[in-house]
């Protein structure tokens, strides 16, 4: 069968979504093997989701778009509360710990440069899902996620 698609139409592979594809890869590389400190140090990962949200992202939006049941509690927290345990340099830190803080600082700058409307959220109790989320483009949101354990 002959392909009758006009040559000037873009194929799905060539369409530009407006997302810099290297940005998520850069963030993933920066946070690779880094742990978020809590009662159980947990890995930090890049994630993204599609959502058509006109206003600022809310805790209810996070619950809905990330598939949490109605019984789960969530709250918005100051963005600095997400970063504070990661960017604090303690007196006793050695070279490895200081290098980790530098990687977290680089990740923070990269996220602040590429995401709009950045917010932080806690979802759940005791085993808490912690999110730092911002807008990539009109319909895509992304950021960092990890888990906290607080007993």
C-alpha atoms as a PDB file:
ATOM      1  CA  UNK A   1       0.000   0.000   0.000  1.00  0.00           C
ATOM      2  CA  UNK A   2       1.314   3.427  -0.917  1.00  0.00           C
ATOM      3  CA  UNK A   3       1.991   6.052   1.775  1.00  0.00           C
ATOM      4  CA  UNK A   4      -0.142   9.061   0.909  1.00  0.00           C
ATOM      5  CA  UNK A   5       0.767  11.161   3.937  1.00  0.00           C
ATOM      6  CA  UNK A   6       1.853  14.636   2.841  1.00  0.00           C
ATOM      7  CA  UNK A   7       5.557  15.167   3.342  1.00  0.00           C
ATOM      8  CA  UNK A   8       5.071  18.324   5.414  1.00  0.00           C
ATOM      9  CA  UNK A   9       3.009  16.610   8.155  1.00  0.00           C
ATOM     10  CA  UNK A  10       4.939  15.656  11.234  1.00  0.00           C
ATOM     11  CA  UNK A  11       4.977  12.068  12.355  1.00  0.00           C
ATOM     12  CA  UNK A  12       4.480  11.432  16.078  1.00  0.00           C
ATOM     13  CA  UNK A  13       8.210  10.751  16.402  1.00  0.00           C
ATOM     14  CA  UNK A  14       9.104  14.164  15.026  1.00  0.00           C
ATOM     15  CA  UNK A  15       6.532  16.261  16.890  1.00  0.00           C
ATOM     16  CA  UNK A  16       7.918  18.689  19.410  1.00  0.00           C
ATOM     17  CA  UNK A  17       6.067  18.540  22.723  1.00  0.00           C
ATOM     18  CA  UNK A  18       7.796  21.646  24.012  1.00  0.00           C
ATOM     19  CA  UNK A  19       9.688  19.653  26.650  1.00  0.00           C
ATOM     20  CA  UNK A  20      13.440  19.745  26.701  1.00  0.00           C
ATOM     21  CA  UNK A  21      14.067  16.009  26.723  1.00  0.00           C
ATOM     22  CA  UNK A  22      17.549  16.457  28.154  1.00  0.00           C
ATOM     23  CA  UNK A  23      16.219  18.190  31.286  1.00  0.00           C
ATOM     24  CA  UNK A  24      14.630  15.109  32.940  1.00  0.00           C
ATOM     25  CA  UNK A  25      17.737  13.091  32.068  1.00  0.00           C
ATOM     26  CA  UNK A  26      19.969  15.740  33.674  1.00  0.00           C
ATOM     27  CA  UNK A  27      17.875  15.758  36.853  1.00  0.00           C
ATOM     28  CA  UNK A  28      17.831  11.950  36.959  1.00  0.00           C
ATOM     29  CA  UNK A  29      21.621  11.899  36.628  1.00  0.00           C
ATOM     30  CA  UNK A  30      22.089  14.501  39.390  1.00  0.00           C
ATOM     31  CA  UNK A  31      19.939  12.653  41.939  1.00  0.00           C
ATOM     32  CA  UNK A  32      21.097   9.143  40.993  1.00  0.00           C
ATOM     33  CA  UNK A  33      22.239   7.259  44.109  1.00  0.00           C
ATOM     34  CA  UNK A  34      21.304  10.160  46.416  1.00  0.00           C
ATOM     35  CA  UNK A  35      19.076   9.473  49.416  1.00  0.00           C
ATOM     36  CA  UNK A  36      16.583  11.693  51.221  1.00  0.00           C
ATOM     37  CA  UNK A  37      17.343  11.649  54.958  1.00  0.00           C
ATOM     38  CA  UNK A  38      14.615  10.416  57.307  1.00  0.00           C
ATOM     39  CA  UNK A  39      14.176   7.420  59.610  1.00  0.00           C
ATOM     40  CA  UNK A  40      14.803   5.335  56.495  1.00  0.00           C
ATOM     41  CA  UNK A  41      16.937   7.060  53.900  1.00  0.00           C
ATOM     42  CA  UNK A  42      15.106   6.673  50.598  1.00  0.00           C
ATOM     43  CA  UNK A  43      16.104   7.285  46.951  1.00  0.00           C
ATOM     44  CA  UNK A  44      14.956  10.383  45.081  1.00  0.00           C
ATOM     45  CA  UNK A  45      13.509   9.973  41.601  1.00  0.00           C
ATOM     46  CA  UNK A  46      12.311  12.128  38.724  1.00  0.00           C
ATOM     47  CA  UNK A  47       8.657  11.669  37.757  1.00  0.00           C
ATOM     48  CA  UNK A  48       6.124  13.401  35.524  1.00  0.00           C
ATOM     49  CA  UNK A  49       2.410  13.316  34.790  1.00  0.00           C
ATOM     50  CA  UNK A  50      -0.066  14.927  32.418  1.00  0.00           C
ATOM     51  CA  UNK A  51      -2.682  17.254  33.874  1.00  0.00           C
ATOM     52  CA  UNK A  52      -4.722  20.100  32.490  1.00  0.00           C
ATOM     53  CA  UNK A  53      -4.597  22.431  35.492  1.00  0.00           C
ATOM     54  CA  UNK A  54      -5.398  26.090  34.856  1.00  0.00           C
ATOM     55  CA  UNK A  55      -4.480  27.457  38.296  1.00  0.00           C
ATOM     56  CA  UNK A  56      -1.767  26.525  40.749  1.00  0.00           C
ATOM     57  CA  UNK A  57      -1.373  22.875  41.665  1.00  0.00           C
ATOM     58  CA  UNK A  58      -3.180  21.969  44.904  1.00  0.00           C
ATOM     59  CA  UNK A  59      -2.921  19.062  47.340  1.00  0.00           C
ATOM     60  CA  UNK A  60      -6.256  17.793  45.977  1.00  0.00           C
ATOM     61  CA  UNK A  61      -4.799  17.861  42.438  1.00  0.00           C
ATOM     62  CA  UNK A  62      -1.796  15.824  43.605  1.00  0.00           C
ATOM     63  CA  UNK A  63      -4.090  13.238  45.200  1.00  0.00           C
ATOM     64  CA  UNK A  64      -6.255  13.014  42.078  1.00  0.00           C
ATOM     65  CA  UNK A  65      -3.590  12.966  39.348  1.00  0.00           C
ATOM     66  CA  UNK A  66      -1.256  10.632  41.236  1.00  0.00           C
ATOM     67  CA  UNK A  67      -4.063   8.201  42.057  1.00  0.00           C
ATOM     68  CA  UNK A  68      -4.347   8.377  45.839  1.00  0.00           C
ATOM     69  CA  UNK A  69      -7.549   7.145  47.514  1.00  0.00           C
ATOM     70  CA  UNK A  70      -9.797   9.726  49.215  1.00  0.00           C
ATOM     71  CA  UNK A  71      -8.788   8.439  52.666  1.00  0.00           C
ATOM     72  CA  UNK A  72      -5.182   9.658  52.254  1.00  0.00           C
ATOM     73  CA  UNK A  73      -4.273  13.005  53.771  1.00  0.00           C
ATOM     74  CA  UNK A  74      -2.065  15.438  51.930  1.00  0.00           C
ATOM     75  CA  UNK A  75      -0.758  18.923  52.487  1.00  0.00           C
ATOM     76  CA  UNK A  76       1.259  21.569  50.724  1.00  0.00           C
ATOM     77  CA  UNK A  77       4.476  22.472  52.511  1.00  0.00           C
ATOM     78  CA  UNK A  78       6.969  25.276  51.886  1.00  0.00           C
ATOM     79  CA  UNK A  79       9.367  24.355  49.081  1.00  0.00           C
ATOM     80  CA  UNK A  80      12.298  25.147  51.356  1.00  0.00           C
ATOM     81  CA  UNK A  81      11.134  22.392  53.721  1.00  0.00           C
ATOM     82  CA  UNK A  82      11.800  19.918  50.886  1.00  0.00           C
ATOM     83  CA  UNK A  83      15.335  21.260  50.293  1.00  0.00           C
ATOM     84  CA  UNK A  84      16.426  22.072  53.852  1.00  0.00           C
ATOM     85  CA  UNK A  85      17.622  18.570  54.886  1.00  0.00           C
ATOM     86  CA  UNK A  86      19.432  18.206  51.555  1.00  0.00           C
ATOM     87  CA  UNK A  87      21.276  21.519  51.422  1.00  0.00           C
ATOM     88  CA  UNK A  88      22.362  21.907  55.034  1.00  0.00           C
ATOM     89  CA  UNK A  89      26.113  21.426  55.487  1.00  0.00           C
ATOM     90  CA  UNK A  90      26.990  20.068  58.912  1.00  0.00           C
ATOM     91  CA  UNK A  91      30.340  20.712  60.598  1.00  0.00           C
ATOM     92  CA  UNK A  92      31.184  17.025  60.650  1.00  0.00           C
ATOM     93  CA  UNK A  93      30.552  16.466  56.903  1.00  0.00           C
ATOM     94  CA  UNK A  94      33.374  14.864  54.972  1.00  0.00           C
ATOM     95  CA  UNK A  95      34.153  15.226  51.280  1.00  0.00           C
ATOM     96  CA  UNK A  96      31.456  12.723  50.207  1.00  0.00           C
ATOM     97  CA  UNK A  97      28.679  14.482  52.131  1.00  0.00           C
ATOM     98  CA  UNK A  98      29.765  17.883  50.839  1.00  0.00           C
ATOM     99  CA  UNK A  99      29.779  16.539  47.263  1.00  0.00           C
ATOM    100  CA  UNK A 100      26.210  15.281  47.779  1.00  0.00           C
ATOM    101  CA  UNK A 101      25.103  18.726  48.961  1.00  0.00           C
ATOM    102  CA  UNK A 102      26.660  20.219  45.807  1.00  0.00           C
ATOM    103  CA  UNK A 103      24.726  17.733  43.631  1.00  0.00           C
ATOM    104  CA  UNK A 104      21.494  18.636  45.425  1.00  0.00           C
ATOM    105  CA  UNK A 105      22.257  22.338  44.927  1.00  0.00           C
ATOM    106  CA  UNK A 106      22.788  21.711  41.209  1.00  0.00           C
ATOM    107  CA  UNK A 107      19.507  19.769  41.019  1.00  0.00           C
ATOM    108  CA  UNK A 108      17.684  22.606  42.775  1.00  0.00           C
ATOM    109  CA  UNK A 109      19.054  25.191  40.336  1.00  0.00           C
ATOM    110  CA  UNK A 110      18.176  22.998  37.352  1.00  0.00           C
ATOM    111  CA  UNK A 111      14.610  22.491  38.575  1.00  0.00           C
ATOM    112  CA  UNK A 112      14.141  26.192  39.357  1.00  0.00           C
ATOM    113  CA  UNK A 113      15.377  27.082  35.876  1.00  0.00           C
ATOM    114  CA  UNK A 114      13.163  24.597  34.000  1.00  0.00           C
ATOM    115  CA  UNK A 115       9.979  24.311  36.054  1.00  0.00           C
ATOM    116  CA  UNK A 116       7.291  26.910  36.708  1.00  0.00           C
ATOM    117  CA  UNK A 117       4.945  27.088  39.706  1.00  0.00           C
ATOM    118  CA  UNK A 118       7.090  24.818  41.907  1.00  0.00           C
ATOM    119  CA  UNK A 119       5.394  23.472  45.032  1.00  0.00           C
ATOM    120  CA  UNK A 120       6.086  20.778  47.617  1.00  0.00           C
ATOM    121  CA  UNK A 121       3.602  18.267  49.037  1.00  0.00           C
ATOM    122  CA  UNK A 122       3.443  15.569  51.695  1.00  0.00           C
ATOM    123  CA  UNK A 123       0.996  12.702  51.149  1.00  0.00           C
ATOM    124  CA  UNK A 124       0.175  10.156  53.854  1.00  0.00           C
ATOM    125  CA  UNK A 125       1.243   9.615  57.437  1.00  0.00           C
ATOM    126  CA  UNK A 126       4.163   7.670  58.925  1.00  0.00           C
ATOM    127  CA  UNK A 127       5.264   6.452  55.462  1.00  0.00           C
ATOM    128  CA  UNK A 128       4.961   9.768  53.648  1.00  0.00           C
ATOM    129  CA  UNK A 129       5.327  10.370  49.928  1.00  0.00           C
ATOM    130  CA  UNK A 130       7.193  13.639  49.480  1.00  0.00           C
ATOM    131  CA  UNK A 131       6.933  15.551  46.202  1.00  0.00           C
ATOM    132  CA  UNK A 132       8.510  18.612  44.660  1.00  0.00           C
ATOM    133  CA  UNK A 133       6.392  19.402  41.595  1.00  0.00           C
ATOM    134  CA  UNK A 134       6.463  22.092  38.933  1.00  0.00           C
ATOM    135  CA  UNK A 135       4.983  22.759  35.527  1.00  0.00           C
ATOM    136  CA  UNK A 136       6.995  21.660  32.486  1.00  0.00           C
ATOM    137  CA  UNK A 137       4.531  22.968  29.903  1.00  0.00           C
ATOM    138  CA  UNK A 138       0.818  23.627  29.538  1.00  0.00           C
ATOM    139  CA  UNK A 139      -0.190  20.019  30.191  1.00  0.00           C
ATOM    140  CA  UNK A 140       2.785  18.323  31.821  1.00  0.00           C
ATOM    141  CA  UNK A 141       4.020  18.506  35.389  1.00  0.00           C
ATOM    142  CA  UNK A 142       7.085  16.869  36.893  1.00  0.00           C
ATOM    143  CA  UNK A 143       9.594  16.932  39.672  1.00  0.00           C
ATOM    144  CA  UNK A 144      11.163  14.855  42.376  1.00  0.00           C
ATOM    145  CA  UNK A 145       9.592  12.252  44.601  1.00  0.00           C
ATOM    146  CA  UNK A 146      10.795  10.282  47.569  1.00  0.00           C
ATOM    147  CA  UNK A 147       9.520   8.640  50.724  1.00  0.00           C
ATOM    148  CA  UNK A 148       9.876   9.768  54.334  1.00  0.00           C
ATOM    149  CA  UNK A 149       9.375   7.562  57.348  1.00  0.00           C
ATOM    150  CA  UNK A 150       8.295   9.397  60.499  1.00  0.00           C
ATOM    151  CA  UNK A 151       7.174   7.371  63.495  1.00  0.00           C
END
